[in-house]
Amino acid sequence: MPRRDDIKKILIIGSGPIVIGQACEFDYSGTQACKALREEGYEVVLVNSNPATIMTDPNTADRTYIEPITWQYVEEIIKQERPDALLPTLGGQTGLNTAMDLVRNGVLEKYGVEMVGAKQEVIKRAEERDTFKQIMLSIGLDVPRSFTVHTIDEAREAVKEIGLPIIIRASFTLGGTG
């Protein structure tokens, strides 16, 4: 992110609890981002529901909240802290989902908080599998054969068309729950 003098305080959403051996990259990258942003002179506020991460070390952020990562709790933190920007991309799927909930519920607009790192439209395009597939095809990239299904019968039809093995994934799952 290029230096922005109009932003003074940034709220970072952490990833919350992670499975041992999985998603530790969110904790590491989040810790490094907090340090880098503070070195650049930004005030950093962190919310993370996992107290056992490196990210929640008292020296990582200017202020740390160990709270559930839901849009309602994050709204209370926004109300208290009044950040200029929200950086959700360091919290994996948890951060992205919470940021999208904050947008849908009008919280960022209500408090004048700008989402940085990735815009709402970009997150939506990346996470909606059909939309992402169409974008990739429109620029000439090959994508694996795939179908969007909503019922078990549609899934059976997709298996007949594609064959086995198959991978079944839900939309809005980029980086797991971490």
N, C-alpha and C. Protein backbone atom coordinates (compact mmCIF):
# COMPACT_ATOMS: atom_id res chain seq x y z
N MET A 1 0.85 -1.17 0.00
CA MET A 1 0.00 0.00 0.00
C MET A 1 0.89 1.23 0.00
N PRO A 2 0.75 2.11 -0.98
CA PRO A 2 1.55 3.33 -0.96
C PRO A 2 1.16 4.20 0.23
N ARG A 3 2.11 4.97 0.69
CA ARG A 3 1.88 5.86 1.84
C ARG A 3 0.71 6.79 1.56
N ARG A 4 -0.23 6.85 2.51
CA ARG A 4 -1.39 7.73 2.39
C ARG A 4 -1.44 8.62 3.61
N ASP A 5 -1.29 9.92 3.40
CA ASP A 5 -1.31 10.86 4.52
C ASP A 5 -2.71 11.13 5.04
N ASP A 6 -3.74 10.75 4.27
CA ASP A 6 -5.12 10.94 4.73
C ASP A 6 -5.55 9.84 5.69
N ILE A 7 -4.75 8.80 5.83
CA ILE A 7 -5.05 7.71 6.75
C ILE A 7 -4.08 7.80 7.93
N LYS A 8 -4.64 7.85 9.12
CA LYS A 8 -3.82 7.91 10.34
C LYS A 8 -3.91 6.61 11.15
N LYS A 9 -5.12 6.04 11.19
CA LYS A 9 -5.36 4.86 12.02
C LYS A 9 -5.96 3.75 11.17
N ILE A 10 -5.38 2.54 11.29
CA ILE A 10 -5.82 1.39 10.50
C ILE A 10 -6.23 0.26 11.45
N LEU A 11 -7.41 -0.28 11.20
CA LEU A 11 -7.90 -1.44 11.94
C LEU A 11 -7.60 -2.69 11.11
N ILE A 12 -6.91 -3.64 11.73
CA ILE A 12 -6.58 -4.91 11.08
C ILE A 12 -7.41 -6.01 11.72
N ILE A 13 -8.02 -6.84 10.88
CA ILE A 13 -8.75 -8.00 11.37
C ILE A 13 -7.83 -9.21 11.28
N GLY A 14 -7.59 -9.85 12.42
CA GLY A 14 -6.79 -11.07 12.44
C GLY A 14 -7.61 -12.27 12.02
N SER A 15 -6.96 -13.42 11.98
CA SER A 15 -7.63 -14.62 11.47
C SER A 15 -8.37 -15.41 12.53
N GLY A 16 -8.14 -15.09 13.80
CA GLY A 16 -8.79 -15.87 14.85
C GLY A 16 -8.09 -17.21 15.03
N PRO A 17 -8.78 -18.17 15.66
CA PRO A 17 -8.16 -19.47 15.92
C PRO A 17 -7.80 -20.18 14.63
N ILE A 18 -6.68 -20.88 14.66
CA ILE A 18 -6.25 -21.64 13.49
C ILE A 18 -5.92 -23.06 13.94
N VAL A 19 -5.94 -23.97 13.00
CA VAL A 19 -5.56 -25.34 13.26
C VAL A 19 -4.04 -25.41 13.25
N ILE A 20 -3.47 -26.13 14.20
CA ILE A 20 -2.02 -26.25 14.26
C ILE A 20 -1.51 -26.79 12.92
N GLY A 21 -0.54 -26.09 12.36
CA GLY A 21 0.03 -26.51 11.09
C GLY A 21 -0.69 -25.95 9.87
N GLN A 22 -1.77 -25.21 10.10
CA GLN A 22 -2.52 -24.62 8.99
C GLN A 22 -2.73 -23.14 9.25
N ALA A 23 -2.61 -22.33 8.23
CA ALA A 23 -2.96 -20.91 8.25
C ALA A 23 -2.05 -20.06 9.13
N CYS A 24 -0.88 -20.57 9.52
CA CYS A 24 0.02 -19.76 10.32
C CYS A 24 0.54 -18.57 9.51
N GLU A 25 0.41 -18.65 8.16
CA GLU A 25 0.85 -17.54 7.32
C GLU A 25 0.06 -16.27 7.62
N PHE A 26 -1.19 -16.40 8.06
CA PHE A 26 -1.97 -15.21 8.38
C PHE A 26 -1.41 -14.53 9.62
N ASP A 27 -1.02 -15.32 10.61
CA ASP A 27 -0.44 -14.75 11.82
C ASP A 27 0.90 -14.08 11.51
N TYR A 28 1.73 -14.75 10.72
CA TYR A 28 3.03 -14.19 10.39
C TYR A 28 2.89 -12.92 9.55
N SER A 29 2.08 -12.99 8.49
CA SER A 29 1.94 -11.81 7.62
C SER A 29 1.26 -10.67 8.37
N GLY A 30 0.30 -11.00 9.22
CA GLY A 30 -0.36 -9.96 10.01
C GLY A 30 0.59 -9.27 10.97
N THR A 31 1.45 -10.05 11.59
CA THR A 31 2.44 -9.48 12.50
C THR A 31 3.40 -8.56 11.75
N GLN A 32 3.88 -9.03 10.60
CA GLN A 32 4.79 -8.21 9.80
C GLN A 32 4.11 -6.93 9.30
N ALA A 33 2.84 -7.04 8.91
CA ALA A 33 2.10 -5.87 8.44
C ALA A 33 1.93 -4.85 9.56
N CYS A 34 1.59 -5.31 10.75
CA CYS A 34 1.45 -4.39 11.89
C CYS A 34 2.75 -3.64 12.14
N LYS A 35 3.86 -4.37 12.14
CA LYS A 35 5.16 -3.73 12.37
C LYS A 35 5.48 -2.72 11.27
N ALA A 36 5.26 -3.12 10.02
CA ALA A 36 5.57 -2.22 8.89
C ALA A 36 4.70 -0.97 8.91
N LEU A 37 3.42 -1.14 9.20
CA LEU A 37 2.51 0.02 9.23
C LEU A 37 2.88 0.96 10.37
N ARG A 38 3.24 0.41 11.51
CA ARG A 38 3.66 1.26 12.63
C ARG A 38 4.95 2.00 12.30
N GLU A 39 5.89 1.32 11.64
CA GLU A 39 7.13 1.98 11.24
C GLU A 39 6.87 3.13 10.27
N GLU A 40 5.81 3.02 9.48
CA GLU A 40 5.43 4.08 8.54
C GLU A 40 4.65 5.21 9.23
N GLY A 41 4.41 5.06 10.52
CA GLY A 41 3.75 6.12 11.26
C GLY A 41 2.25 5.98 11.43
N TYR A 42 1.69 4.86 10.98
CA TYR A 42 0.25 4.64 11.16
C TYR A 42 -0.01 4.12 12.57
N GLU A 43 -1.14 4.50 13.12
CA GLU A 43 -1.60 3.90 14.37
C GLU A 43 -2.34 2.63 13.99
N VAL A 44 -1.98 1.52 14.62
CA VAL A 44 -2.55 0.22 14.25
C VAL A 44 -3.39 -0.33 15.40
N VAL A 45 -4.63 -0.67 15.06
CA VAL A 45 -5.55 -1.31 15.98
C VAL A 45 -5.81 -2.71 15.43
N LEU A 46 -5.71 -3.71 16.28
CA LEU A 46 -5.86 -5.10 15.87
C LEU A 46 -7.02 -5.73 16.62
N VAL A 47 -7.84 -6.49 15.89
CA VAL A 47 -8.84 -7.35 16.53
C VAL A 47 -8.54 -8.78 16.11
N ASN A 48 -8.43 -9.65 17.11
CA ASN A 48 -8.16 -11.06 16.86
C ASN A 48 -8.76 -11.84 18.02
N SER A 49 -9.46 -12.90 17.72
CA SER A 49 -10.10 -13.68 18.78
C SER A 49 -9.17 -14.72 19.39
N ASN A 50 -7.97 -14.82 18.87
CA ASN A 50 -7.02 -15.83 19.35
C ASN A 50 -5.90 -15.16 20.14
N PRO A 51 -5.90 -15.29 21.46
CA PRO A 51 -4.84 -14.65 22.26
C PRO A 51 -3.50 -15.36 22.14
N ALA A 52 -3.48 -16.56 21.57
CA ALA A 52 -2.26 -17.36 21.51
C ALA A 52 -1.55 -17.22 20.17
N THR A 53 -1.58 -16.03 19.59
CA THR A 53 -0.87 -15.80 18.33
C THR A 53 0.25 -14.81 18.56
N ILE A 54 1.21 -14.80 17.65
CA ILE A 54 2.28 -13.81 17.71
C ILE A 54 1.69 -12.42 17.50
N MET A 55 0.66 -12.36 16.67
CA MET A 55 0.04 -11.10 16.29
C MET A 55 -0.50 -10.32 17.50
N THR A 56 -0.95 -11.04 18.52
CA THR A 56 -1.54 -10.36 19.68
C THR A 56 -0.52 -10.01 20.76
N ASP A 57 0.75 -10.17 20.46
CA ASP A 57 1.81 -9.71 21.37
C ASP A 57 1.60 -8.23 21.65
N PRO A 58 1.76 -7.79 22.88
CA PRO A 58 1.50 -6.38 23.22
C PRO A 58 2.30 -5.36 22.41
N ASN A 59 3.42 -5.75 21.85
CA ASN A 59 4.25 -4.80 21.10
C ASN A 59 3.95 -4.78 19.59
N THR A 60 3.00 -5.58 19.14
CA THR A 60 2.73 -5.68 17.70
C THR A 60 1.87 -4.53 17.20
N ALA A 61 0.78 -4.23 17.89
CA ALA A 61 -0.13 -3.16 17.48
C ALA A 61 -0.16 -2.09 18.57
N ASP A 62 -0.69 -0.93 18.24
CA ASP A 62 -0.84 0.12 19.25
C ASP A 62 -1.92 -0.25 20.26
N ARG A 63 -2.98 -0.92 19.75
CA ARG A 63 -4.06 -1.38 20.61
C ARG A 63 -4.55 -2.72 20.06
N THR A 64 -4.77 -3.67 20.94
CA THR A 64 -5.21 -5.00 20.54
C THR A 64 -6.50 -5.36 21.27
N TYR A 65 -7.47 -5.84 20.52
CA TYR A 65 -8.73 -6.31 21.07
C TYR A 65 -8.81 -7.82 20.87
N ILE A 66 -8.96 -8.55 21.97
CA ILE A 66 -9.18 -10.00 21.90
C ILE A 66 -10.69 -10.17 22.04
N GLU A 67 -11.35 -10.23 20.91
CA GLU A 67 -12.81 -10.30 20.85
C GLU A 67 -13.22 -11.26 19.74
N PRO A 68 -14.46 -11.76 19.81
CA PRO A 68 -14.95 -12.57 18.68
C PRO A 68 -14.90 -11.74 17.39
N ILE A 69 -14.56 -12.38 16.30
CA ILE A 69 -14.46 -11.67 15.03
C ILE A 69 -15.79 -11.82 14.29
N THR A 70 -16.71 -10.95 14.67
CA THR A 70 -18.01 -10.85 14.00
C THR A 70 -18.19 -9.39 13.64
N TRP A 71 -19.06 -9.13 12.67
CA TRP A 71 -19.25 -7.73 12.26
C TRP A 71 -19.79 -6.90 13.42
N GLN A 72 -20.59 -7.50 14.32
CA GLN A 72 -21.14 -6.74 15.44
C GLN A 72 -20.05 -6.31 16.42
N TYR A 73 -19.15 -7.22 16.75
CA TYR A 73 -18.05 -6.87 17.66
C TYR A 73 -17.10 -5.88 17.00
N VAL A 74 -16.81 -6.10 15.73
CA VAL A 74 -15.91 -5.18 15.03
C VAL A 74 -16.55 -3.80 14.91
N GLU A 75 -17.87 -3.74 14.75
CA GLU A 75 -18.53 -2.43 14.73
C GLU A 75 -18.31 -1.69 16.04
N GLU A 76 -18.39 -2.38 17.15
CA GLU A 76 -18.15 -1.74 18.45
C GLU A 76 -16.72 -1.20 18.55
N ILE A 77 -15.77 -1.95 18.02
CA ILE A 77 -14.38 -1.49 18.01
C ILE A 77 -14.24 -0.27 17.11
N ILE A 78 -14.89 -0.30 15.96
CA ILE A 78 -14.86 0.86 15.05
C ILE A 78 -15.48 2.08 15.73
N LYS A 79 -16.58 1.87 16.41
CA LYS A 79 -17.25 2.97 17.12
C LYS A 79 -16.32 3.58 18.17
N GLN A 80 -15.58 2.72 18.87
CA GLN A 80 -14.66 3.17 19.93
C GLN A 80 -13.40 3.81 19.35
N GLU A 81 -12.79 3.17 18.37
CA GLU A 81 -11.47 3.58 17.87
C GLU A 81 -11.51 4.60 16.73
N ARG A 82 -12.58 4.61 15.96
CA ARG A 82 -12.73 5.52 14.80
C ARG A 82 -11.54 5.43 13.83
N PRO A 83 -11.25 4.23 13.31
CA PRO A 83 -10.15 4.12 12.35
C PRO A 83 -10.52 4.79 11.03
N ASP A 84 -9.51 5.18 10.30
CA ASP A 84 -9.71 5.74 8.95
C ASP A 84 -9.86 4.63 7.92
N ALA A 85 -9.22 3.49 8.20
CA ALA A 85 -9.19 2.40 7.22
C ALA A 85 -9.31 1.05 7.91
N LEU A 86 -9.82 0.09 7.15
CA LEU A 86 -9.92 -1.30 7.58
C LEU A 86 -9.09 -2.14 6.62
N LEU A 87 -8.20 -2.97 7.17
CA LEU A 87 -7.37 -3.87 6.36
C LEU A 87 -7.76 -5.31 6.72
N PRO A 88 -8.64 -5.93 5.91
CA PRO A 88 -9.14 -7.27 6.26
C PRO A 88 -8.35 -8.42 5.66
N THR A 89 -7.47 -8.16 4.73
CA THR A 89 -6.84 -9.22 3.94
C THR A 89 -5.84 -10.06 4.73
N LEU A 90 -5.46 -9.62 5.90
CA LEU A 90 -4.49 -10.37 6.70
C LEU A 90 -5.17 -11.38 7.62
N GLY A 91 -6.49 -11.40 7.59
CA GLY A 91 -7.24 -12.31 8.45
C GLY A 91 -7.83 -13.50 7.72
N GLY A 92 -7.32 -13.79 6.53
CA GLY A 92 -7.82 -14.94 5.79
C GLY A 92 -9.30 -14.82 5.51
N GLN A 93 -9.96 -15.97 5.43
CA GLN A 93 -11.39 -15.99 5.13
C GLN A 93 -12.19 -15.29 6.21
N THR A 94 -11.76 -15.41 7.46
CA THR A 94 -12.45 -14.75 8.57
C THR A 94 -12.45 -13.24 8.37
N GLY A 95 -11.31 -12.67 8.03
CA GLY A 95 -11.22 -11.23 7.81
C GLY A 95 -12.05 -10.77 6.63
N LEU A 96 -11.98 -11.53 5.53
CA LEU A 96 -12.75 -11.16 4.34
C LEU A 96 -14.25 -11.24 4.59
N ASN A 97 -14.70 -12.33 5.23
CA ASN A 97 -16.12 -12.47 5.52
C ASN A 97 -16.62 -11.36 6.44
N THR A 98 -15.84 -11.05 7.45
CA THR A 98 -16.24 -10.00 8.39
C THR A 98 -16.30 -8.65 7.69
N ALA A 99 -15.33 -8.37 6.86
CA ALA A 99 -15.32 -7.10 6.11
C ALA A 99 -16.55 -6.99 5.22
N MET A 100 -16.88 -8.08 4.52
CA MET A 100 -18.06 -8.05 3.65
C MET A 100 -19.34 -7.87 4.46
N ASP A 101 -19.40 -8.46 5.65
CA ASP A 101 -20.56 -8.25 6.53
C ASP A 101 -20.64 -6.80 6.99
N LEU A 102 -19.49 -6.20 7.28
CA LEU A 102 -19.47 -4.78 7.67
C LEU A 102 -19.99 -3.90 6.54
N VAL A 103 -19.61 -4.23 5.32
CA VAL A 103 -20.10 -3.47 4.15
C VAL A 103 -21.60 -3.66 4.00
N ARG A 104 -22.06 -4.92 4.01
CA ARG A 104 -23.49 -5.22 3.82
C ARG A 104 -24.36 -4.56 4.88
N ASN A 105 -23.83 -4.43 6.08
CA ASN A 105 -24.61 -3.84 7.17
C ASN A 105 -24.40 -2.34 7.31
N GLY A 106 -23.67 -1.74 6.38
CA GLY A 106 -23.52 -0.29 6.35
C GLY A 106 -22.59 0.30 7.39
N VAL A 107 -21.81 -0.54 8.06
CA VAL A 107 -20.96 -0.07 9.16
C VAL A 107 -19.83 0.82 8.65
N LEU A 108 -19.15 0.40 7.59
CA LEU A 108 -18.02 1.19 7.09
C LEU A 108 -18.50 2.55 6.60
N GLU A 109 -19.62 2.57 5.91
CA GLU A 109 -20.18 3.83 5.42
C GLU A 109 -20.62 4.71 6.59
N LYS A 110 -21.25 4.11 7.57
CA LYS A 110 -21.75 4.85 8.75
C LYS A 110 -20.62 5.59 9.46
N TYR A 111 -19.47 4.94 9.59
CA TYR A 111 -18.35 5.54 10.33
C TYR A 111 -17.27 6.12 9.43
N GLY A 112 -17.49 6.12 8.14
CA GLY A 112 -16.52 6.70 7.20
C GLY A 112 -15.20 5.96 7.15
N VAL A 113 -15.25 4.63 7.22
CA VAL A 113 -14.05 3.79 7.20
C VAL A 113 -13.85 3.25 5.78
N GLU A 114 -12.65 3.41 5.25
CA GLU A 114 -12.33 2.92 3.91
C GLU A 114 -11.69 1.54 4.01
N MET A 115 -12.17 0.60 3.21
CA MET A 115 -11.53 -0.71 3.15
C MET A 115 -10.31 -0.60 2.24
N VAL A 116 -9.14 -1.00 2.74
CA VAL A 116 -7.91 -0.97 1.96
C VAL A 116 -7.37 -2.39 1.83
N GLY A 117 -6.49 -2.58 0.87
CA GLY A 117 -5.92 -3.91 0.64
C GLY A 117 -6.66 -4.66 -0.44
N ALA A 118 -7.96 -4.64 -0.38
CA ALA A 118 -8.83 -5.22 -1.41
C ALA A 118 -10.19 -4.57 -1.27
N LYS A 119 -10.75 -4.17 -2.36
CA LYS A 119 -12.07 -3.54 -2.35
C LYS A 119 -13.16 -4.60 -2.36
N GLN A 120 -14.33 -4.21 -1.90
CA GLN A 120 -15.48 -5.10 -1.82
C GLN A 120 -15.76 -5.79 -3.15
N GLU A 121 -15.72 -5.05 -4.24
CA GLU A 121 -16.04 -5.62 -5.55
C GLU A 121 -15.03 -6.69 -5.95
N VAL A 122 -13.77 -6.46 -5.60
CA VAL A 122 -12.71 -7.42 -5.95
C VAL A 122 -12.87 -8.70 -5.13
N ILE A 123 -13.16 -8.57 -3.86
CA ILE A 123 -13.38 -9.75 -3.01
C ILE A 123 -14.54 -10.56 -3.56
N LYS A 124 -15.62 -9.87 -3.89
CA LYS A 124 -16.81 -10.56 -4.41
C LYS A 124 -16.49 -11.30 -5.72
N ARG A 125 -15.79 -10.64 -6.63
CA ARG A 125 -15.44 -11.27 -7.90
C ARG A 125 -14.54 -12.49 -7.71
N ALA A 126 -13.62 -12.39 -6.77
CA ALA A 126 -12.69 -13.50 -6.54
C ALA A 126 -13.37 -14.68 -5.86
N GLU A 127 -14.36 -14.42 -5.03
CA GLU A 127 -14.96 -15.49 -4.24
C GLU A 127 -16.17 -16.14 -4.88
N GLU A 128 -16.86 -15.45 -5.76
CA GLU A 128 -17.99 -16.06 -6.46
C GLU A 128 -17.42 -16.88 -7.62
N ARG A 129 -17.47 -18.17 -7.50
CA ARG A 129 -16.77 -19.06 -8.42
C ARG A 129 -17.18 -18.86 -9.88
N ASP A 130 -18.47 -18.71 -10.16
CA ASP A 130 -18.89 -18.49 -11.55
C ASP A 130 -18.37 -17.18 -12.10
N THR A 131 -18.45 -16.13 -11.30
CA THR A 131 -17.95 -14.82 -11.74
C THR A 131 -16.46 -14.90 -12.03
N PHE A 132 -15.71 -15.52 -11.12
CA PHE A 132 -14.27 -15.66 -11.29
C PHE A 132 -13.95 -16.46 -12.56
N LYS A 133 -14.67 -17.54 -12.76
CA LYS A 133 -14.45 -18.37 -13.95
C LYS A 133 -14.68 -17.56 -15.22
N GLN A 134 -15.76 -16.80 -15.27
CA GLN A 134 -16.07 -16.00 -16.46
C GLN A 134 -14.99 -14.94 -16.71
N ILE A 135 -14.48 -14.34 -15.66
CA ILE A 135 -13.41 -13.34 -15.81
C ILE A 135 -12.16 -14.00 -16.39
N MET A 136 -11.80 -15.16 -15.86
CA MET A 136 -10.61 -15.86 -16.36
C MET A 136 -10.78 -16.24 -17.83
N LEU A 137 -11.95 -16.76 -18.19
CA LEU A 137 -12.21 -17.13 -19.58
C LEU A 137 -12.18 -15.91 -20.49
N SER A 138 -12.69 -14.77 -20.00
CA SER A 138 -12.75 -13.55 -20.82
C SER A 138 -11.36 -13.01 -21.16
N ILE A 139 -10.36 -13.36 -20.36
CA ILE A 139 -9.00 -12.90 -20.66
C ILE A 139 -8.14 -14.01 -21.27
N GLY A 140 -8.81 -15.09 -21.65
CA GLY A 140 -8.13 -16.15 -22.38
C GLY A 140 -7.40 -17.18 -21.54
N LEU A 141 -7.68 -17.25 -20.25
CA LEU A 141 -7.01 -18.25 -19.41
C LEU A 141 -7.84 -19.54 -19.36
N ASP A 142 -7.14 -20.66 -19.34
CA ASP A 142 -7.82 -21.94 -19.18
C ASP A 142 -8.21 -22.11 -17.72
N VAL A 143 -9.35 -22.71 -17.51
CA VAL A 143 -9.81 -23.03 -16.16
C VAL A 143 -10.27 -24.49 -16.15
N PRO A 144 -10.18 -25.14 -15.01
CA PRO A 144 -10.67 -26.52 -14.95
C PRO A 144 -12.17 -26.56 -15.26
N ARG A 145 -12.61 -27.67 -15.85
CA ARG A 145 -14.05 -27.82 -16.08
C ARG A 145 -14.75 -27.77 -14.74
N SER A 146 -15.85 -27.05 -14.69
CA SER A 146 -16.54 -26.90 -13.41
C SER A 146 -18.01 -26.59 -13.65
N PHE A 147 -18.78 -26.82 -12.63
CA PHE A 147 -20.21 -26.51 -12.63
C PHE A 147 -20.56 -25.88 -11.30
N THR A 148 -21.55 -25.03 -11.33
CA THR A 148 -22.14 -24.53 -10.10
C THR A 148 -23.42 -25.30 -9.87
N VAL A 149 -23.54 -25.87 -8.69
CA VAL A 149 -24.73 -26.66 -8.38
C VAL A 149 -25.35 -26.17 -7.08
N HIS A 150 -26.64 -26.41 -6.95
CA HIS A 150 -27.36 -25.99 -5.75
C HIS A 150 -28.07 -27.15 -5.06
N THR A 151 -28.14 -28.29 -5.74
CA THR A 151 -28.82 -29.46 -5.17
C THR A 151 -27.96 -30.69 -5.41
N ILE A 152 -28.31 -31.76 -4.71
CA ILE A 152 -27.57 -33.01 -4.88
C ILE A 152 -27.82 -33.58 -6.28
N ASP A 153 -29.02 -33.37 -6.82
CA ASP A 153 -29.29 -33.85 -8.18
C ASP A 153 -28.43 -33.12 -9.20
N GLU A 154 -28.26 -31.81 -9.03
CA GLU A 154 -27.39 -31.06 -9.93
C GLU A 154 -25.95 -31.54 -9.81
N ALA A 155 -25.54 -31.89 -8.59
CA ALA A 155 -24.18 -32.40 -8.37
C ALA A 155 -23.99 -33.73 -9.10
N ARG A 156 -25.00 -34.59 -9.04
CA ARG A 156 -24.91 -35.88 -9.75
C ARG A 156 -24.78 -35.67 -11.26
N GLU A 157 -25.53 -34.72 -11.79
CA GLU A 157 -25.44 -34.41 -13.22
C GLU A 157 -24.05 -33.89 -13.59
N ALA A 158 -23.48 -33.07 -12.71
CA ALA A 158 -22.13 -32.54 -12.95
C ALA A 158 -21.11 -33.67 -12.97
N VAL A 159 -21.26 -34.65 -12.07
CA VAL A 159 -20.35 -35.79 -12.03
C VAL A 159 -20.45 -36.59 -13.32
N LYS A 160 -21.68 -36.76 -13.83
CA LYS A 160 -21.85 -37.47 -15.11
C LYS A 160 -21.13 -36.74 -16.24
N GLU A 161 -21.17 -35.42 -16.22
CA GLU A 161 -20.56 -34.60 -17.27
C GLU A 161 -19.04 -34.57 -17.16
N ILE A 162 -18.53 -34.38 -15.94
CA ILE A 162 -17.08 -34.22 -15.72
C ILE A 162 -16.40 -35.57 -15.52
N GLY A 163 -17.03 -36.44 -14.76
CA GLY A 163 -16.41 -37.70 -14.37
C GLY A 163 -15.68 -37.54 -13.05
N LEU A 164 -15.14 -38.66 -12.58
CA LEU A 164 -14.42 -38.64 -11.30
C LEU A 164 -12.93 -38.64 -11.56
N PRO A 165 -12.10 -38.17 -10.68
CA PRO A 165 -12.43 -37.55 -9.40
C PRO A 165 -12.92 -36.10 -9.57
N ILE A 166 -13.61 -35.60 -8.56
CA ILE A 166 -14.08 -34.21 -8.56
C ILE A 166 -13.74 -33.56 -7.23
N ILE A 167 -13.74 -32.25 -7.23
CA ILE A 167 -13.58 -31.47 -6.00
C ILE A 167 -14.85 -30.66 -5.84
N ILE A 168 -15.43 -30.69 -4.65
CA ILE A 168 -16.62 -29.89 -4.37
C ILE A 168 -16.22 -28.80 -3.40
N ARG A 169 -16.50 -27.55 -3.81
CA ARG A 169 -16.16 -26.40 -2.96
C ARG A 169 -17.32 -25.43 -2.93
N ALA A 170 -17.49 -24.78 -1.82
CA ALA A 170 -18.51 -23.74 -1.70
C ALA A 170 -17.94 -22.43 -2.21
N SER A 171 -18.84 -21.53 -2.61
CA SER A 171 -18.39 -20.17 -2.94
C SER A 171 -18.01 -19.46 -1.65
N PHE A 172 -17.31 -18.35 -1.79
CA PHE A 172 -16.86 -17.53 -0.67
C PHE A 172 -15.99 -18.32 0.29
N THR A 173 -15.01 -19.04 -0.26
CA THR A 173 -14.00 -19.72 0.55
C THR A 173 -12.67 -19.64 -0.18
N LEU A 174 -11.95 -18.56 0.04
CA LEU A 174 -10.64 -18.41 -0.61
C LEU A 174 -9.53 -19.03 0.21
N GLY A 175 -9.50 -18.75 1.50
CA GLY A 175 -8.33 -19.14 2.28
C GLY A 175 -8.65 -19.98 3.48
N GLY A 176 -9.70 -20.77 3.45
CA GLY A 176 -10.07 -21.56 4.61
C GLY A 176 -10.63 -20.66 5.69
N THR A 177 -10.78 -21.19 6.89
CA THR A 177 -11.38 -20.40 7.96
C THR A 177 -10.37 -19.55 8.68
N GLY A 178 -9.08 -19.78 8.46
CA GLY A 178 -8.03 -19.02 9.15
C GLY A 178 -7.89 -17.64 8.67
